[in-house]
PDB file of N, CA and C in Angstrom:
ATOM      1  N   MET A   1     287.860  38.380 -16.974  1.00  0.00           N
ATOM      2  CA  MET A   1     288.179  38.199 -18.369  1.00  0.00           C
ATOM      3  C   MET A   1     289.045  39.379 -18.825  1.00  0.00           C
ATOM      4  N   ALA A   2     290.135  39.086 -19.498  1.00  0.00           N
ATOM      5  CA  ALA A   2     291.047  40.129 -19.958  1.00  0.00           C
ATOM      6  C   ALA A   2     290.403  40.953 -21.073  1.00  0.00           C
ATOM      7  N   GLU A   3     290.731  42.241 -21.073  1.00  0.00           N
ATOM      8  CA  GLU A   3     290.208  43.110 -22.122  1.00  0.00           C
ATOM      9  C   GLU A   3     290.839  42.732 -23.459  1.00  0.00           C
ATOM     10  N   ARG A   4     290.033  42.787 -24.491  1.00  0.00           N
ATOM     11  CA  ARG A   4     290.519  42.444 -25.827  1.00  0.00           C
ATOM     12  C   ARG A   4     291.367  43.574 -26.373  1.00  0.00           C
ATOM     13  N   SER A   5     292.440  43.210 -27.017  1.00  0.00           N
ATOM     14  CA  SER A   5     293.323  44.182 -27.652  1.00  0.00           C
ATOM     15  C   SER A   5     292.575  44.926 -28.756  1.00  0.00           C
ATOM     16  N   PHE A   6     292.917  46.189 -28.928  1.00  0.00           N
ATOM     17  CA  PHE A   6     292.282  46.945 -30.011  1.00  0.00           C
ATOM     18  C   PHE A   6     292.669  46.360 -31.363  1.00  0.00           C
ATOM     19  N   LEU A   7     293.807  45.675 -31.435  1.00  0.00           N
ATOM     20  CA  LEU A   7     294.201  45.031 -32.694  1.00  0.00           C
ATOM     21  C   LEU A   7     293.256  43.884 -33.037  1.00  0.00           C
ATOM     22  N   VAL A   8     292.822  43.159 -32.023  1.00  0.00           N
ATOM     23  CA  VAL A   8     291.830  42.099 -32.243  1.00  0.00           C
ATOM     24  C   VAL A   8     290.524  42.725 -32.705  1.00  0.00           C
ATOM     25  N   ARG A   9     290.169  43.841 -32.130  1.00  0.00           N
ATOM     26  CA  ARG A   9     288.939  44.527 -32.527  1.00  0.00           C
ATOM     27  C   ARG A   9     289.025  45.036 -33.964  1.00  0.00           C
ATOM     28  N   LEU A  10     290.194  45.494 -34.376  1.00  0.00           N
ATOM     29  CA  LEU A  10     290.378  45.892 -35.779  1.00  0.00           C
ATOM     30  C   LEU A  10     290.208  44.689 -36.705  1.00  0.00           C
ATOM     31  N   SER A  11     290.730  43.558 -36.289  1.00  0.00           N
ATOM     32  CA  SER A  11     290.541  42.324 -37.075  1.00  0.00           C
ATOM     33  C   SER A  11     289.067  41.950 -37.129  1.00  0.00           C
ATOM     34  N   ASP A  12     288.364  42.146 -36.023  1.00  0.00           N
ATOM     35  CA  ASP A  12     286.918  41.890 -36.002  1.00  0.00           C
ATOM     36  C   ASP A  12     286.202  42.802 -36.998  1.00  0.00           C
ATOM     37  N   ILE A  13     286.582  44.077 -37.007  1.00  0.00           N
ATOM     38  CA  ILE A  13     285.975  45.027 -37.937  1.00  0.00           C
ATOM     39  C   ILE A  13     286.185  44.556 -39.373  1.00  0.00           C
ATOM     40  N   ARG A  14     287.420  44.198 -39.695  1.00  0.00           N
ATOM     41  CA  ARG A  14     287.720  43.762 -41.063  1.00  0.00           C
ATOM     42  C   ARG A  14     286.958  42.484 -41.408  1.00  0.00           C
ATOM     43  N   GLY A  15     286.832  41.577 -40.454  1.00  0.00           N
ATOM     44  CA  GLY A  15     286.089  40.340 -40.698  1.00  0.00           C
ATOM     45  C   GLY A  15     284.612  40.586 -40.935  1.00  0.00           C
ATOM     46  N   GLU A  16     284.026  41.483 -40.164  1.00  0.00           N
ATOM     47  CA  GLU A  16     282.611  41.807 -40.347  1.00  0.00           C
ATOM     48  C   GLU A  16     282.372  42.500 -41.684  1.00  0.00           C
ATOM     49  N   ILE A  17     283.277  43.396 -42.062  1.00  0.00           N
ATOM     50  CA  ILE A  17     283.145  44.057 -43.360  1.00  0.00           C
ATOM     51  C   ILE A  17     283.238  43.027 -44.481  1.00  0.00           C
ATOM     52  N   ALA A  18     284.182  42.109 -44.375  1.00  0.00           N
ATOM     53  CA  ALA A  18     284.308  41.056 -45.400  1.00  0.00           C
ATOM     54  C   ALA A  18     283.039  40.212 -45.459  1.00  0.00           C
ATOM     55  N   GLY A  19     282.473  39.908 -44.308  1.00  0.00           N
ATOM     56  CA  GLY A  19     281.237  39.125 -44.267  1.00  0.00           C
ATOM     57  C   GLY A  19     280.077  39.851 -44.916  1.00  0.00           C
ATOM     58  N   ILE A  20     279.951  41.135 -44.633  1.00  0.00           N
ATOM     59  CA  ILE A  20     278.885  41.935 -45.248  1.00  0.00           C
ATOM     60  C   ILE A  20     279.065  41.961 -46.764  1.00  0.00           C
ATOM     61  N   ARG A  21     280.287  42.225 -47.189  1.00  0.00           N
ATOM     62  CA  ARG A  21     280.543  42.293 -48.636  1.00  0.00           C
ATOM     63  C   ARG A  21     280.193  40.980 -49.322  1.00  0.00           C
ATOM     64  N   ASP A  22     280.566  39.880 -48.694  1.00  0.00           N
ATOM     65  CA  ASP A  22     280.255  38.575 -49.270  1.00  0.00           C
ATOM     66  C   ASP A  22     278.750  38.337 -49.321  1.00  0.00           C
ATOM     67  N   LEU A  23     278.067  38.719 -48.266  1.00  0.00           N
ATOM     68  CA  LEU A  23     276.625  38.531 -48.171  1.00  0.00           C
ATOM     69  C   LEU A  23     275.866  39.291 -49.248  1.00  0.00           C
ATOM     70  N   VAL A  24     276.281  40.514 -49.531  1.00  0.00           N
ATOM     71  CA  VAL A  24     275.508  41.369 -50.439  1.00  0.00           C
ATOM     72  C   VAL A  24     276.094  41.458 -51.853  1.00  0.00           C
ATOM     73  N   LYS A  25     277.104  40.658 -52.135  1.00  0.00           N
ATOM     74  CA  LYS A  25     277.810  40.820 -53.413  1.00  0.00           C
ATOM     75  C   LYS A  25     276.910  40.677 -54.637  1.00  0.00           C
ATOM     76  N   ASN A  26     275.858  39.888 -54.570  1.00  0.00           N
ATOM     77  CA  ASN A  26     274.958  39.716 -55.717  1.00  0.00           C
ATOM     78  C   ASN A  26     273.593  40.366 -55.498  1.00  0.00           C
ATOM     79  N   ALA A  27     273.498  41.173 -54.467  1.00  0.00           N
ATOM     80  CA  ALA A  27     272.211  41.785 -54.124  1.00  0.00           C
ATOM     81  C   ALA A  27     272.024  43.117 -54.838  1.00  0.00           C
ATOM     82  N   THR A  28     270.794  43.482 -54.982  1.00  0.00           N
ATOM     83  CA  THR A  28     270.406  44.818 -55.427  1.00  0.00           C
ATOM     84  C   THR A  28     269.800  45.512 -54.210  1.00  0.00           C
ATOM     85  N   PRO A  29     269.622  46.810 -54.272  1.00  0.00           N
ATOM     86  CA  PRO A  29     268.961  47.480 -53.135  1.00  0.00           C
ATOM     87  C   PRO A  29     267.582  46.891 -52.840  1.00  0.00           C
ATOM     88  N   GLU A  30     266.857  46.525 -53.879  1.00  0.00           N
ATOM     89  CA  GLU A  30     265.513  45.966 -53.693  1.00  0.00           C
ATOM     90  C   GLU A  30     265.566  44.578 -53.043  1.00  0.00           C
ATOM     91  N   LYS A  31     266.492  43.752 -53.522  1.00  0.00           N
ATOM     92  CA  LYS A  31     266.639  42.409 -52.952  1.00  0.00           C
ATOM     93  C   LYS A  31     267.091  42.500 -51.490  1.00  0.00           C
ATOM     94  N   PHE A  32     267.991  43.422 -51.218  1.00  0.00           N
ATOM     95  CA  PHE A  32     268.471  43.634 -49.852  1.00  0.00           C
ATOM     96  C   PHE A  32     267.314  44.026 -48.938  1.00  0.00           C
ATOM     97  N   ALA A  33     266.527  45.007 -49.355  1.00  0.00           N
ATOM     98  CA  ALA A  33     265.411  45.498 -48.540  1.00  0.00           C
ATOM     99  C   ALA A  33     264.343  44.436 -48.325  1.00  0.00           C
ATOM    100  N   ALA A  34     264.199  43.523 -49.275  1.00  0.00           N
ATOM    101  CA  ALA A  34     263.164  42.490 -49.184  1.00  0.00           C
ATOM    102  C   ALA A  34     263.616  41.273 -48.380  1.00  0.00           C
ATOM    103  N   SER A  35     264.892  41.184 -48.080  1.00  0.00           N
ATOM    104  CA  SER A  35     265.419  40.004 -47.392  1.00  0.00           C
ATOM    105  C   SER A  35     265.606  40.278 -45.904  1.00  0.00           C
ATOM    106  N   TRP A  36     264.720  39.707 -45.091  1.00  0.00           N
ATOM    107  CA  TRP A  36     264.828  39.854 -43.644  1.00  0.00           C
ATOM    108  C   TRP A  36     266.188  39.344 -43.170  1.00  0.00           C
ATOM    109  N   ALA A  37     266.617  38.199 -43.674  1.00  0.00           N
ATOM    110  CA  ALA A  37     267.874  37.599 -43.224  1.00  0.00           C
ATOM    111  C   ALA A  37     269.076  38.466 -43.596  1.00  0.00           C
ATOM    112  N   MET A  38     269.091  38.985 -44.800  1.00  0.00           N
ATOM    113  CA  MET A  38     270.208  39.824 -45.233  1.00  0.00           C
ATOM    114  C   MET A  38     270.254  41.116 -44.418  1.00  0.00           C
ATOM    115  N   MET A  39     269.081  41.693 -44.187  1.00  0.00           N
ATOM    116  CA  MET A  39     269.012  42.919 -43.386  1.00  0.00           C
ATOM    117  C   MET A  39     269.504  42.669 -41.954  1.00  0.00           C
ATOM    118  N   ARG A  40     269.011  41.607 -41.345  1.00  0.00           N
ATOM    119  CA  ARG A  40     269.376  41.331 -39.952  1.00  0.00           C
ATOM    120  C   ARG A  40     270.850  40.974 -39.817  1.00  0.00           C
ATOM    121  N   ALA A  41     271.370  40.196 -40.742  1.00  0.00           N
ATOM    122  CA  ALA A  41     272.789  39.850 -40.682  1.00  0.00           C
ATOM    123  C   ALA A  41     273.649  41.099 -40.835  1.00  0.00           C
ATOM    124  N   THR A  42     273.265  41.971 -41.730  1.00  0.00           N
ATOM    125  CA  THR A  42     274.006  43.220 -41.941  1.00  0.00           C
ATOM    126  C   THR A  42     273.917  44.104 -40.708  1.00  0.00           C
ATOM    127  N   GLN A  43     272.734  44.225 -40.135  1.00  0.00           N
ATOM    128  CA  GLN A  43     272.573  45.034 -38.926  1.00  0.00           C
ATOM    129  C   GLN A  43     273.456  44.501 -37.802  1.00  0.00           C
ATOM    130  N   HIS A  44     273.473  43.202 -37.638  1.00  0.00           N
ATOM    131  CA  HIS A  44     274.282  42.613 -36.568  1.00  0.00           C
ATOM    132  C   HIS A  44     275.774  42.857 -36.813  1.00  0.00           C
ATOM    133  N   ALA A  45     276.210  42.679 -38.039  1.00  0.00           N
ATOM    134  CA  ALA A  45     277.616  42.927 -38.359  1.00  0.00           C
ATOM    135  C   ALA A  45     277.971  44.389 -38.109  1.00  0.00           C
ATOM    136  N   LEU A  46     277.091  45.303 -38.485  1.00  0.00           N
ATOM    137  CA  LEU A  46     277.342  46.726 -38.251  1.00  0.00           C
ATOM    138  C   LEU A  46     277.351  47.054 -36.760  1.00  0.00           C
ATOM    139  N   LEU A  47     276.547  46.363 -36.001  1.00  0.00           N
ATOM    140  CA  LEU A  47     276.547  46.546 -34.550  1.00  0.00           C
ATOM    141  C   LEU A  47     277.888  46.114 -33.956  1.00  0.00           C
ATOM    142  N   ILE A  48     278.416  44.993 -34.428  1.00  0.00           N
ATOM    143  CA  ILE A  48     279.732  44.518 -33.972  1.00  0.00           C
ATOM    144  C   ILE A  48     280.806  45.523 -34.366  1.00  0.00           C
ATOM    145  N   ILE A  49     280.735  46.023 -35.589  1.00  0.00           N
ATOM    146  CA  ILE A  49     281.699  47.015 -36.057  1.00  0.00           C
ATOM    147  C   ILE A  49     281.648  48.258 -35.173  1.00  0.00           C
ATOM    148  N   ALA A  50     280.455  48.733 -34.890  1.00  0.00           N
ATOM    149  CA  ALA A  50     280.299  49.940 -34.068  1.00  0.00           C
ATOM    150  C   ALA A  50     280.872  49.728 -32.676  1.00  0.00           C
ATOM    151  N   GLU A  51     280.608  48.586 -32.091  1.00  0.00           N
ATOM    152  CA  GLU A  51     281.123  48.301 -30.749  1.00  0.00           C
ATOM    153  C   GLU A  51     282.646  48.186 -30.771  1.00  0.00           C
ATOM    154  N   ALA A  52     283.187  47.496 -31.744  1.00  0.00           N
ATOM    155  CA  ALA A  52     284.640  47.341 -31.831  1.00  0.00           C
ATOM    156  C   ALA A  52     285.318  48.693 -32.060  1.00  0.00           C
ATOM    157  N   ALA A  53     284.700  49.549 -32.862  1.00  0.00           N
ATOM    158  CA  ALA A  53     285.291  50.857 -33.174  1.00  0.00           C
ATOM    159  C   ALA A  53     285.420  51.740 -31.941  1.00  0.00           C
ATOM    160  N   LYS A  54     284.550  51.547 -30.957  1.00  0.00           N
ATOM    161  CA  LYS A  54     284.626  52.335 -29.725  1.00  0.00           C
ATOM    162  C   LYS A  54     285.936  52.108 -28.981  1.00  0.00           C
ATOM    163  N   HIS A  55     286.559  50.960 -29.215  1.00  0.00           N
ATOM    164  CA  HIS A  55     287.748  50.570 -28.463  1.00  0.00           C
ATOM    165  C   HIS A  55     289.063  50.858 -29.195  1.00  0.00           C
ATOM    166  N   ILE A  56     288.978  51.536 -30.323  1.00  0.00           N
ATOM    167  CA  ILE A  56     290.188  51.926 -31.040  1.00  0.00           C
ATOM    168  C   ILE A  56     290.722  53.191 -30.380  1.00  0.00           C
ATOM    169  N   PRO A  57     291.992  53.216 -30.012  1.00  0.00           N
ATOM    170  CA  PRO A  57     292.535  54.395 -29.342  1.00  0.00           C
ATOM    171  C   PRO A  57     292.391  55.673 -30.172  1.00  0.00           C
ATOM    172  N   ALA A  58     292.170  56.771 -29.485  1.00  0.00           N
ATOM    173  CA  ALA A  58     291.920  58.060 -30.129  1.00  0.00           C
ATOM    174  C   ALA A  58     293.040  58.472 -31.077  1.00  0.00           C
ATOM    175  N   GLU A  59     294.269  58.165 -30.731  1.00  0.00           N
ATOM    176  CA  GLU A  59     295.377  58.570 -31.599  1.00  0.00           C
ATOM    177  C   GLU A  59     295.331  57.854 -32.950  1.00  0.00           C
ATOM    178  N   HIS A  60     294.841  56.644 -32.966  1.00  0.00           N
ATOM    179  CA  HIS A  60     294.686  55.921 -34.234  1.00  0.00           C
ATOM    180  C   HIS A  60     293.508  56.484 -35.029  1.00  0.00           C
ATOM    181  N   LYS A  61     292.432  56.796 -34.347  1.00  0.00           N
ATOM    182  CA  LYS A  61     291.284  57.395 -35.021  1.00  0.00           C
ATOM    183  C   LYS A  61     291.663  58.744 -35.627  1.00  0.00           C
ATOM    184  N   ALA A  62     292.434  59.520 -34.884  1.00  0.00           N
ATOM    185  CA  ALA A  62     292.826  60.852 -35.361  1.00  0.00           C
ATOM    186  C   ALA A  62     293.660  60.769 -36.640  1.00  0.00           C
ATOM    187  N   ALA A  63     294.368  59.687 -36.812  1.00  0.00           N
ATOM    188  CA  ALA A  63     295.200  59.523 -38.013  1.00  0.00           C
ATOM    189  C   ALA A  63     294.362  59.244 -39.260  1.00  0.00           C
ATOM    190  N   TYR A  64     293.081  58.949 -39.066  1.00  0.00           N
ATOM    191  CA  TYR A  64     292.188  58.635 -40.188  1.00  0.00           C
ATOM    192  C   TYR A  64     290.907  59.463 -40.086  1.00  0.00           C
ATOM    193  N   PRO A  65     291.031  60.764 -40.305  1.00  0.00           N
ATOM    194  CA  PRO A  65     289.868  61.645 -40.153  1.00  0.00           C
ATOM    195  C   PRO A  65     288.793  61.421 -41.220  1.00  0.00           C
ATOM    196  N   LYS A  66     289.145  60.748 -42.291  1.00  0.00           N
ATOM    197  CA  LYS A  66     288.167  60.458 -43.345  1.00  0.00           C
ATOM    198  C   LYS A  66     287.100  59.469 -42.855  1.00  0.00           C
ATOM    199  N   VAL A  67     287.447  58.690 -41.846  1.00  0.00           N
ATOM    200  CA  VAL A  67     286.509  57.719 -41.273  1.00  0.00           C
ATOM    201  C   VAL A  67     285.608  58.463 -40.274  1.00  0.00           C
ATOM    202  N   PRO A  68     284.303  58.366 -40.426  1.00  0.00           N
ATOM    203  CA  PRO A  68     283.390  59.076 -39.510  1.00  0.00           C
ATOM    204  C   PRO A  68     283.192  58.297 -38.205  1.00  0.00           C
ATOM    205  N   TRP A  69     284.215  58.297 -37.367  1.00  0.00           N
ATOM    206  CA  TRP A  69     284.209  57.485 -36.146  1.00  0.00           C
ATOM    207  C   TRP A  69     282.980  57.756 -35.286  1.00  0.00           C
ATOM    208  N   GLN A  70     282.616  59.018 -35.089  1.00  0.00           N
ATOM    209  CA  GLN A  70     281.463  59.342 -34.244  1.00  0.00           C
ATOM    210  C   GLN A  70     280.165  58.809 -34.854  1.00  0.00           C
ATOM    211  N   LYS A  71     280.042  58.864 -36.156  1.00  0.00           N
ATOM    212  CA  LYS A  71     278.848  58.330 -36.807  1.00  0.00           C
ATOM    213  C   LYS A  71     278.788  56.811 -36.675  1.00  0.00           C
ATOM    214  N   ILE A  72     279.944  56.170 -36.682  1.00  0.00           N
ATOM    215  CA  ILE A  72     279.984  54.718 -36.489  1.00  0.00           C
ATOM    216  C   ILE A  72     279.477  54.387 -35.088  1.00  0.00           C
ATOM    217  N   HIS A  73     279.944  55.136 -34.097  1.00  0.00           N
ATOM    218  CA  HIS A  73     279.465  54.920 -32.717  1.00  0.00           C
ATOM    219  C   HIS A  73     277.959  55.165 -32.643  1.00  0.00           C
ATOM    220  N   GLY A  74     277.507  56.232 -33.290  1.00  0.00           N
ATOM    221  CA  GLY A  74     276.081  56.564 -33.301  1.00  0.00           C
ATOM    222  C   GLY A  74     275.246  55.503 -33.989  1.00  0.00           C
ATOM    223  N   LEU A  75     275.794  54.903 -35.032  1.00  0.00           N
ATOM    224  CA  LEU A  75     275.086  53.829 -35.720  1.00  0.00           C
ATOM    225  C   LEU A  75     274.829  52.669 -34.769  1.00  0.00           C
ATOM    226  N   GLY A  76     275.799  52.363 -33.944  1.00  0.00           N
ATOM    227  CA  GLY A  76     275.606  51.294 -32.965  1.00  0.00           C
ATOM    228  C   GLY A  76     274.443  51.601 -32.035  1.00  0.00           C
ATOM    229  N   ASN A  77     274.369  52.831 -31.569  1.00  0.00           N
ATOM    230  CA  ASN A  77     273.258  53.226 -30.694  1.00  0.00           C
ATOM    231  C   ASN A  77     271.933  53.141 -31.424  1.00  0.00           C
ATOM    232  N   LEU A  78     271.912  53.580 -32.657  1.00  0.00           N
ATOM    233  CA  LEU A  78     270.689  53.508 -33.461  1.00  0.00           C
ATOM    234  C   LEU A  78     270.247  52.051 -33.636  1.00  0.00           C
ATOM    235  N   LEU A  79     271.184  51.189 -33.956  1.00  0.00           N
ATOM    236  CA  LEU A  79     270.843  49.777 -34.161  1.00  0.00           C
ATOM    237  C   LEU A  79     270.361  49.111 -32.872  1.00  0.00           C
ATOM    238  N   ARG A  80     270.905  49.544 -31.741  1.00  0.00           N
ATOM    239  CA  ARG A  80     270.497  48.966 -30.453  1.00  0.00           C
ATOM    240  C   ARG A  80     269.145  49.492 -29.976  1.00  0.00           C
ATOM    241  N   HIS A  81     268.921  50.784 -30.162  1.00  0.00           N
ATOM    242  CA  HIS A  81     267.765  51.404 -29.515  1.00  0.00           C
ATOM    243  C   HIS A  81     266.641  51.828 -30.452  1.00  0.00           C
ATOM    244  N   GLU A  82     266.942  52.038 -31.694  1.00  0.00           N
ATOM    245  CA  GLU A  82     265.932  52.503 -32.653  1.00  0.00           C
ATOM    246  C   GLU A  82     265.786  51.525 -33.815  1.00  0.00           C
ATOM    247  N   TYR A  83     265.988  50.256 -33.527  1.00  0.00           N
ATOM    248  CA  TYR A  83     266.010  49.208 -34.552  1.00  0.00           C
ATOM    249  C   TYR A  83     264.747  49.172 -35.407  1.00  0.00           C
ATOM    250  N   ARG A  84     263.635  49.637 -34.889  1.00  0.00           N
ATOM    251  CA  ARG A  84     262.380  49.614 -35.656  1.00  0.00           C
ATOM    252  C   ARG A  84     262.349  50.692 -36.735  1.00  0.00           C
ATOM    253  N   ARG A  85     263.240  51.675 -36.606  1.00  0.00           N
ATOM    254  CA  ARG A  85     263.253  52.780 -37.560  1.00  0.00           C
ATOM    255  C   ARG A  85     264.351  52.650 -38.612  1.00  0.00           C
ATOM    256  N   ILE A  86     264.997  51.517 -38.676  1.00  0.00           N
ATOM    257  CA  ILE A  86     266.113  51.348 -39.607  1.00  0.00           C
ATOM    258  C   ILE A  86     265.584  51.317 -41.038  1.00  0.00           C
ATOM    259  N   ASP A  87     266.085  52.207 -41.847  1.00  0.00           N
ATOM    260  CA  ASP A  87     265.697  52.310 -43.252  1.00  0.00           C
ATOM    261  C   ASP A  87     266.634  51.432 -44.084  1.00  0.00           C
ATOM    262  N   PRO A  88     266.100  50.475 -44.828  1.00  0.00           N
ATOM    263  CA  PRO A  88     266.960  49.615 -45.653  1.00  0.00           C
ATOM    264  C   PRO A  88     267.844  50.407 -46.621  1.00  0.00           C
ATOM    265  N   ALA A  89     267.364  51.525 -47.129  1.00  0.00           N
ATOM    266  CA  ALA A  89     268.160  52.336 -48.053  1.00  0.00           C
ATOM    267  C   ALA A  89     269.391  52.924 -47.355  1.00  0.00           C
ATOM    268  N   ILE A  90     269.236  53.278 -46.087  1.00  0.00           N
ATOM    269  CA  ILE A  90     270.374  53.807 -45.326  1.00  0.00           C
ATOM    270  C   ILE A  90     271.403  52.702 -45.111  1.00  0.00           C
ATOM    271  N   LEU A  91     270.930  51.532 -44.708  1.00  0.00           N
ATOM    272  CA  LEU A  91     271.857  50.407 -44.527  1.00  0.00           C
ATOM    273  C   LEU A  91     272.582  50.090 -45.832  1.00  0.00           C
ATOM    274  N   TRP A  92     271.837  50.068 -46.920  1.00  0.00           N
ATOM    275  CA  TRP A  92     272.438  49.780 -48.222  1.00  0.00           C
ATOM    276  C   TRP A  92     273.520  50.817 -48.547  1.00  0.00           C
ATOM    277  N   SER A  93     273.237  52.066 -48.280  1.00  0.00           N
ATOM    278  CA  SER A  93     274.203  53.134 -48.523  1.00  0.00           C
ATOM    279  C   SER A  93     275.462  52.940 -47.674  1.00  0.00           C
ATOM    280  N   ILE A  94     275.289  52.590 -46.424  1.00  0.00           N
ATOM    281  CA  ILE A  94     276.439  52.345 -45.545  1.00  0.00           C
ATOM    282  C   ILE A  94     277.292  51.222 -46.125  1.00  0.00           C
ATOM    283  N   VAL A  95     276.647  50.148 -46.503  1.00  0.00           N
ATOM    284  CA  VAL A  95     277.352  48.980 -47.035  1.00  0.00           C
ATOM    285  C   VAL A  95     278.083  49.319 -48.333  1.00  0.00           C
ATOM    286  N   GLN A  96     277.403  50.008 -49.217  1.00  0.00           N
ATOM    287  CA  GLN A  96     277.970  50.269 -50.539  1.00  0.00           C
ATOM    288  C   GLN A  96     278.972  51.432 -50.560  1.00  0.00           C
ATOM    289  N   ASP A  97     278.744  52.438 -49.734  1.00  0.00           N
ATOM    290  CA  ASP A  97     279.509  53.679 -49.873  1.00  0.00           C
ATOM    291  C   ASP A  97     280.423  54.028 -48.702  1.00  0.00           C
ATOM    292  N   HIS A  98     280.250  53.401 -47.559  1.00  0.00           N
ATOM    293  CA  HIS A  98     280.945  53.908 -46.387  1.00  0.00           C
ATOM    294  C   HIS A  98     281.831  52.909 -45.651  1.00  0.00           C
ATOM    295  N   LEU A  99     281.835  51.661 -46.041  1.00  0.00           N
ATOM    296  CA  LEU A  99     282.671  50.694 -45.334  1.00  0.00           C
ATOM    297  C   LEU A  99     284.111  50.683 -45.837  1.00  0.00           C
ATOM    298  N   ALA A 100     284.334  51.113 -47.057  1.00  0.00           N
ATOM    299  CA  ALA A 100     285.673  51.029 -47.645  1.00  0.00           C
ATOM    300  C   ALA A 100     286.695  51.850 -46.861  1.00  0.00           C
ATOM    301  N   ASP A 101     286.338  53.069 -46.466  1.00  0.00           N
ATOM    302  CA  ASP A 101     287.284  53.912 -45.717  1.00  0.00           C
ATOM    303  C   ASP A 101     287.624  53.288 -44.369  1.00  0.00           C
ATOM    304  N   LEU A 102     286.638  52.738 -43.702  1.00  0.00           N
ATOM    305  CA  LEU A 102     286.875  52.083 -42.415  1.00  0.00           C
ATOM    306  C   LEU A 102     287.759  50.857 -42.592  1.00  0.00           C
ATOM    307  N   ASP A 103     287.471  50.051 -43.600  1.00  0.00           N
ATOM    308  CA  ASP A 103     288.272  48.852 -43.852  1.00  0.00           C
ATOM    309  C   ASP A 103     289.725  49.223 -44.150  1.00  0.00           C
ATOM    310  N   GLU A 104     289.912  50.247 -44.960  1.00  0.00           N
ATOM    311  CA  GLU A 104     291.266  50.695 -45.301  1.00  0.00           C
ATOM    312  C   GLU A 104     292.006  51.196 -44.060  1.00  0.00           C
ATOM    313  N   ALA A 105     291.333  51.972 -43.232  1.00  0.00           N
ATOM    314  CA  ALA A 105     291.954  52.472 -42.005  1.00  0.00           C
ATOM    315  C   ALA A 105     292.331  51.312 -41.084  1.00  0.00           C
ATOM    316  N   ALA A 106     291.420  50.370 -40.911  1.00  0.00           N
ATOM    317  CA  ALA A 106     291.706  49.216 -40.049  1.00  0.00           C
ATOM    318  C   ALA A 106     292.901  48.430 -40.573  1.00  0.00           C
ATOM    319  N   GLU A 107     292.939  48.236 -41.874  1.00  0.00           N
ATOM    320  CA  GLU A 107     294.065  47.513 -42.486  1.00  0.00           C
ATOM    321  C   GLU A 107     295.387  48.241 -42.223  1.00  0.00           C
ATOM    322  N   LYS A 108     295.395  49.551 -42.401  1.00  0.00           N
ATOM    323  CA  LYS A 108     296.625  50.328 -42.215  1.00  0.00           C
ATOM    324  C   LYS A 108     297.061  50.379 -40.751  1.00  0.00           C
ATOM    325  N   ILE A 109     296.111  50.503 -39.845  1.00  0.00           N
ATOM    326  CA  ILE A 109     296.460  50.506 -38.421  1.00  0.00           C
ATOM    327  C   ILE A 109     297.045  49.160 -38.034  1.00  0.00           C
ATOM    328  N   LEU A 110     296.438  48.100 -38.493  1.00  0.00           N
ATOM    329  CA  LEU A 110     296.965  46.760 -38.199  1.00  0.00           C
ATOM    330  C   LEU A 110     298.367  46.586 -38.766  1.00  0.00           C
ATOM    331  N   ALA A 111     298.582  47.055 -39.990  1.00  0.00           N
ATOM    332  CA  ALA A 111     299.895  46.927 -40.625  1.00  0.00           C
ATOM    333  C   ALA A 111     300.942  47.730 -39.855  1.00  0.00           C
ATOM    334  N   SER A 112     300.590  48.943 -39.465  1.00  0.00           N
ATOM    335  CA  SER A 112     301.569  49.772 -38.743  1.00  0.00           C
ATOM    336  C   SER A 112     301.854  49.209 -37.355  1.00  0.00           C
ATOM    337  N   ALA A 113     300.873  48.608 -36.728  1.00  0.00           N
ATOM    338  CA  ALA A 113     301.080  48.004 -35.404  1.00  0.00           C
ATOM    339  C   ALA A 113     301.995  46.785 -35.514  1.00  0.00           C
ATOM    340  N   GLY A 114     301.926  46.082 -36.641  1.00  0.00           N
ATOM    341  CA  GLY A 114     302.778  44.922 -36.852  1.00  0.00           C
ATOM    342  C   GLY A 114     304.223  45.289 -37.083  1.00  0.00           C
ATOM    343  N   GLU A 115     304.485  46.543 -37.464  1.00  0.00           N
ATOM    344  CA  GLU A 115     305.852  46.995 -37.723  1.00  0.00           C
ATOM    345  C   GLU A 115     306.585  47.369 -36.441  1.00  0.00           C
ATOM    346  N   ARG A 116     305.849  47.497 -35.352  1.00  0.00           N
ATOM    347  CA  ARG A 116     306.483  47.915 -34.081  1.00  0.00           C
ATOM    348  C   ARG A 116     307.263  46.793 -33.478  1.00  0.00           C
TER     349      ARG A 116
END
């Protein structure tokens, strides 16, 4: 099977972020924490994001130092191996406060790659 292009992975990241945003658009932190389905869907989307982010070339990551690339990779490990310790408040914070920079970086990398 051919390796997926990092551009496809950036599109995956943007799609997962859009899905998370749509899922939680009417939620409160309390509703989010109480919803097994919302929590699990968000965790899975974040796991996909973390895995896809590992495949973005270093030179592209370096151009966006505001994005905590290492923490994104670490989040994937946490979701895979420490899933029982996931705090809903932390997930809520990631969703509300930390996806925008990643989405913006992915959008800009995709746009610049299209100009080549």
